[in-house]
Amino acid sequence: PRADRLTGAGDGYTITTRVHRVQVALVERRDLDRLPRAEPLLDDYPETTAEDLGQEPDAPRWTYSGQELACALAAAARGWGRPRLAELLASRGLGRPGSERADRLLRLGREALEALDALGLDVVERPAWRATGVPEVGTIVDLE
């Protein structure tokens, strides 16, 4: 994590298997000595995890809707970058993602496109007539 994002004394990071930003109160010894004291209520504190305390979000941070994934695959197939993907998402009413989210989404679209290629599969654009169910005169339609 970048230290320049910290706001000053008492602001920091804890790094274990994950990185968490923490803020602590810094109290000088003379101020601490003036506070009333008591014996702790528990001899040993119970083992807990963040999940037990409800600190974990219900959904993972990087989840995507089917519509977002479809846009990412379309952008990857067209060779578009992050700005064009963001425009596509916004034009479809899906909001404009931040740069990190857009990067991850585009990377996922490119990985899906590579997987399709490796499996010998392809995705083609729908003909315009599929929306109405009626092909235009002269359109060749494969019935298989």
C-alpha atoms as a PDB file:
ATOM      1  CA  PRO A   1       0.000   0.000   0.000  1.00  0.00           C
ATOM      2  CA  ARG A   2       1.026   3.566  -0.586  1.00  0.00           C
ATOM      3  CA  ALA A   3       2.106   5.416   2.553  1.00  0.00           C
ATOM      4  CA  ASP A   4       1.310   8.810   1.018  1.00  0.00           C
ATOM      5  CA  ARG A   5      -2.399   7.998   1.418  1.00  0.00           C
ATOM      6  CA  LEU A   6      -2.096   7.928   5.196  1.00  0.00           C
ATOM      7  CA  THR A   7      -3.438  11.011   6.951  1.00  0.00           C
ATOM      8  CA  GLY A   8      -0.912  11.370   9.764  1.00  0.00           C
ATOM      9  CA  ALA A   9      -0.158  10.157  13.297  1.00  0.00           C
ATOM     10  CA  GLY A  10      -2.273   7.165  14.270  1.00  0.00           C
ATOM     11  CA  ASP A  11      -3.122   6.207  10.685  1.00  0.00           C
ATOM     12  CA  GLY A  12      -1.468   3.067   9.366  1.00  0.00           C
ATOM     13  CA  TYR A  13      -1.746  -0.367   7.805  1.00  0.00           C
ATOM     14  CA  THR A  14      -1.769  -3.841   9.302  1.00  0.00           C
ATOM     15  CA  ILE A  15      -0.473  -6.464   6.943  1.00  0.00           C
ATOM     16  CA  THR A  16      -1.257 -10.137   7.483  1.00  0.00           C
ATOM     17  CA  THR A  17      -2.755 -12.305   4.771  1.00  0.00           C
ATOM     18  CA  ARG A  18      -4.651  -9.131   3.787  1.00  0.00           C
ATOM     19  CA  VAL A  19      -3.961  -5.427   4.116  1.00  0.00           C
ATOM     20  CA  HIS A  20      -6.183  -3.378   6.415  1.00  0.00           C
ATOM     21  CA  ARG A  21      -6.055   0.344   7.051  1.00  0.00           C
ATOM     22  CA  VAL A  22      -6.253   1.131  10.768  1.00  0.00           C
ATOM     23  CA  GLN A  23      -6.537   4.280  12.839  1.00  0.00           C
ATOM     24  CA  VAL A  24      -5.452   4.287  16.463  1.00  0.00           C
ATOM     25  CA  ALA A  25      -5.498   6.839  19.247  1.00  0.00           C
ATOM     26  CA  LEU A  26      -2.055   7.905  20.392  1.00  0.00           C
ATOM     27  CA  VAL A  27      -2.094   8.661  24.122  1.00  0.00           C
ATOM     28  CA  GLU A  28       0.912   9.911  26.041  1.00  0.00           C
ATOM     29  CA  ARG A  29       1.911   8.089  29.226  1.00  0.00           C
ATOM     30  CA  ARG A  30       1.062  11.082  31.490  1.00  0.00           C
ATOM     31  CA  ASP A  31      -2.488  11.174  30.077  1.00  0.00           C
ATOM     32  CA  LEU A  32      -2.841   7.426  30.412  1.00  0.00           C
ATOM     33  CA  ASP A  33      -1.771   7.507  34.077  1.00  0.00           C
ATOM     34  CA  ARG A  34      -4.642   9.907  34.905  1.00  0.00           C
ATOM     35  CA  LEU A  35      -7.327   7.493  33.617  1.00  0.00           C
ATOM     36  CA  PRO A  36      -9.205   5.251  36.059  1.00  0.00           C
ATOM     37  CA  ARG A  37      -8.181   1.599  35.997  1.00  0.00           C
ATOM     38  CA  ALA A  38      -9.861  -1.712  36.731  1.00  0.00           C
ATOM     39  CA  GLU A  39      -9.115  -5.385  36.368  1.00  0.00           C
ATOM     40  CA  PRO A  40     -10.212  -6.876  33.057  1.00  0.00           C
ATOM     41  CA  LEU A  41     -13.593  -8.628  33.053  1.00  0.00           C
ATOM     42  CA  LEU A  42     -12.191 -11.651  31.174  1.00  0.00           C
ATOM     43  CA  ASP A  43      -9.047 -13.643  31.885  1.00  0.00           C
ATOM     44  CA  ASP A  44      -8.833 -14.762  28.251  1.00  0.00           C
ATOM     45  CA  TYR A  45     -10.634 -13.209  25.334  1.00  0.00           C
ATOM     46  CA  PRO A  46     -12.441 -15.691  23.049  1.00  0.00           C
ATOM     47  CA  GLU A  47     -11.034 -16.495  19.628  1.00  0.00           C
ATOM     48  CA  THR A  48     -12.928 -14.656  16.913  1.00  0.00           C
ATOM     49  CA  THR A  49     -12.715 -14.096  13.201  1.00  0.00           C
ATOM     50  CA  ALA A  50     -13.908 -11.134  11.181  1.00  0.00           C
ATOM     51  CA  GLU A  51     -16.620 -13.293   9.593  1.00  0.00           C
ATOM     52  CA  ASP A  52     -18.059 -14.059  13.051  1.00  0.00           C
ATOM     53  CA  LEU A  53     -18.320 -10.345  13.824  1.00  0.00           C
ATOM     54  CA  GLY A  54     -19.962  -9.434  10.525  1.00  0.00           C
ATOM     55  CA  GLN A  55     -17.002  -7.417   9.299  1.00  0.00           C
ATOM     56  CA  GLU A  56     -16.797  -9.150   5.940  1.00  0.00           C
ATOM     57  CA  PRO A  57     -19.027  -7.859   3.142  1.00  0.00           C
ATOM     58  CA  ASP A  58     -21.849 -10.126   1.949  1.00  0.00           C
ATOM     59  CA  ALA A  59     -20.463 -10.224  -1.573  1.00  0.00           C
ATOM     60  CA  PRO A  60     -16.845 -10.272  -2.704  1.00  0.00           C
ATOM     61  CA  ARG A  61     -15.495  -6.886  -3.696  1.00  0.00           C
ATOM     62  CA  TRP A  62     -14.979  -7.834  -7.310  1.00  0.00           C
ATOM     63  CA  THR A  63     -18.250  -9.313  -8.469  1.00  0.00           C
ATOM     64  CA  TYR A  64     -19.694  -8.541 -11.872  1.00  0.00           C
ATOM     65  CA  SER A  65     -23.145  -8.821 -13.365  1.00  0.00           C
ATOM     66  CA  GLY A  66     -23.773 -10.827 -16.504  1.00  0.00           C
ATOM     67  CA  GLN A  67     -24.311  -7.551 -18.367  1.00  0.00           C
ATOM     68  CA  GLU A  68     -20.905  -6.230 -17.264  1.00  0.00           C
ATOM     69  CA  LEU A  69     -19.215  -9.477 -18.302  1.00  0.00           C
ATOM     70  CA  ALA A  70     -20.964  -9.352 -21.687  1.00  0.00           C
ATOM     71  CA  CYS A  71     -19.691  -5.791 -22.234  1.00  0.00           C
ATOM     72  CA  ALA A  72     -16.177  -6.851 -21.212  1.00  0.00           C
ATOM     73  CA  LEU A  73     -16.216  -9.749 -23.677  1.00  0.00           C
ATOM     74  CA  ALA A  74     -17.518  -7.476 -26.455  1.00  0.00           C
ATOM     75  CA  ALA A  75     -14.832  -4.878 -25.704  1.00  0.00           C
ATOM     76  CA  ALA A  76     -12.111  -7.542 -25.669  1.00  0.00           C
ATOM     77  CA  ALA A  77     -13.339  -9.002 -28.983  1.00  0.00           C
ATOM     78  CA  ARG A  78     -13.183  -5.565 -30.571  1.00  0.00           C
ATOM     79  CA  GLY A  79      -9.703  -4.871 -29.208  1.00  0.00           C
ATOM     80  CA  TRP A  80     -10.924  -1.948 -27.116  1.00  0.00           C
ATOM     81  CA  GLY A  81      -9.176  -0.611 -24.054  1.00  0.00           C
ATOM     82  CA  ARG A  82     -10.426   0.506 -20.675  1.00  0.00           C
ATOM     83  CA  PRO A  83     -11.822   3.925 -21.747  1.00  0.00           C
ATOM     84  CA  ARG A  84     -13.991   2.386 -24.486  1.00  0.00           C
ATOM     85  CA  LEU A  85     -15.181  -0.338 -22.090  1.00  0.00           C
ATOM     86  CA  ALA A  86     -16.166   2.353 -19.564  1.00  0.00           C
ATOM     87  CA  GLU A  87     -18.080   4.212 -22.302  1.00  0.00           C
ATOM     88  CA  LEU A  88     -19.839   1.001 -23.345  1.00  0.00           C
ATOM     89  CA  LEU A  89     -20.897   0.215 -19.782  1.00  0.00           C
ATOM     90  CA  ALA A  90     -22.155   3.755 -19.232  1.00  0.00           C
ATOM     91  CA  SER A  91     -24.082   3.740 -22.531  1.00  0.00           C
ATOM     92  CA  ARG A  92     -25.876   0.561 -21.421  1.00  0.00           C
ATOM     93  CA  GLY A  93     -26.920   2.105 -18.091  1.00  0.00           C
ATOM     94  CA  LEU A  94     -24.423   0.077 -16.066  1.00  0.00           C
ATOM     95  CA  GLY A  95     -22.524   3.038 -14.650  1.00  0.00           C
ATOM     96  CA  ARG A  96     -18.966   4.147 -15.294  1.00  0.00           C
ATOM     97  CA  PRO A  97     -16.503   1.944 -13.385  1.00  0.00           C
ATOM     98  CA  GLY A  98     -13.374   3.220 -11.681  1.00  0.00           C
ATOM     99  CA  SER A  99     -10.055   2.482 -13.351  1.00  0.00           C
ATOM    100  CA  GLU A 100      -9.186  -0.523 -11.167  1.00  0.00           C
ATOM    101  CA  ARG A 101     -12.611  -2.135 -11.630  1.00  0.00           C
ATOM    102  CA  ALA A 102     -12.518  -1.470 -15.385  1.00  0.00           C
ATOM    103  CA  ASP A 103      -9.007  -2.976 -15.616  1.00  0.00           C
ATOM    104  CA  ARG A 104     -10.118  -6.141 -13.833  1.00  0.00           C
ATOM    105  CA  LEU A 105     -13.265  -6.397 -15.901  1.00  0.00           C
ATOM    106  CA  LEU A 106     -11.408  -5.916 -19.185  1.00  0.00           C
ATOM    107  CA  ARG A 107      -8.763  -8.450 -18.127  1.00  0.00           C
ATOM    108  CA  LEU A 108     -11.543 -10.940 -17.398  1.00  0.00           C
ATOM    109  CA  GLY A 109     -13.100 -10.272 -20.814  1.00  0.00           C
ATOM    110  CA  ARG A 110      -9.748 -10.842 -22.524  1.00  0.00           C
ATOM    111  CA  GLU A 111      -9.187 -14.064 -20.556  1.00  0.00           C
ATOM    112  CA  ALA A 112     -12.639 -15.296 -21.594  1.00  0.00           C
ATOM    113  CA  LEU A 113     -11.882 -14.459 -25.223  1.00  0.00           C
ATOM    114  CA  GLU A 114      -8.571 -16.369 -25.022  1.00  0.00           C
ATOM    115  CA  ALA A 115     -10.377 -19.325 -23.433  1.00  0.00           C
ATOM    116  CA  LEU A 116     -12.957 -19.360 -26.228  1.00  0.00           C
ATOM    117  CA  ASP A 117     -10.137 -19.345 -28.767  1.00  0.00           C
ATOM    118  CA  ALA A 118      -8.280 -22.160 -26.963  1.00  0.00           C
ATOM    119  CA  LEU A 119     -11.488 -24.238 -26.910  1.00  0.00           C
ATOM    120  CA  GLY A 120     -12.111 -23.610 -30.584  1.00  0.00           C
ATOM    121  CA  LEU A 121     -15.290 -21.642 -29.887  1.00  0.00           C
ATOM    122  CA  ASP A 122     -16.326 -18.319 -31.331  1.00  0.00           C
ATOM    123  CA  VAL A 123     -18.850 -15.605 -30.555  1.00  0.00           C
ATOM    124  CA  VAL A 124     -20.389 -13.667 -33.413  1.00  0.00           C
ATOM    125  CA  GLU A 125     -22.560 -10.587 -33.400  1.00  0.00           C
ATOM    126  CA  ARG A 126     -26.308 -11.119 -33.764  1.00  0.00           C
ATOM    127  CA  PRO A 127     -27.826 -10.199 -37.075  1.00  0.00           C
ATOM    128  CA  ALA A 128     -30.086  -7.157 -36.833  1.00  0.00           C
ATOM    129  CA  TRP A 129     -33.148  -9.193 -37.866  1.00  0.00           C
ATOM    130  CA  ARG A 130     -32.998 -11.387 -34.728  1.00  0.00           C
ATOM    131  CA  ALA A 131     -34.586  -8.572 -32.720  1.00  0.00           C
ATOM    132  CA  THR A 132     -37.743  -8.745 -34.844  1.00  0.00           C
ATOM    133  CA  GLY A 133     -37.553 -12.421 -35.806  1.00  0.00           C
ATOM    134  CA  VAL A 134     -38.010 -11.500 -39.461  1.00  0.00           C
ATOM    135  CA  PRO A 135     -34.975 -11.532 -41.774  1.00  0.00           C
ATOM    136  CA  GLU A 136     -34.754  -8.886 -44.464  1.00  0.00           C
ATOM    137  CA  VAL A 137     -35.278  -9.858 -48.076  1.00  0.00           C
ATOM    138  CA  GLY A 138     -32.148 -11.451 -49.486  1.00  0.00           C
ATOM    139  CA  THR A 139     -30.725 -12.486 -46.094  1.00  0.00           C
ATOM    140  CA  ILE A 140     -29.289 -15.997 -46.069  1.00  0.00           C
ATOM    141  CA  VAL A 141     -30.379 -17.791 -42.903  1.00  0.00           C
ATOM    142  CA  ASP A 142     -28.696 -20.966 -41.656  1.00  0.00           C
ATOM    143  CA  LEU A 143     -31.460 -23.135 -40.218  1.00  0.00           C
ATOM    144  CA  GLU A 144     -29.147 -25.525 -38.374  1.00  0.00           C
END
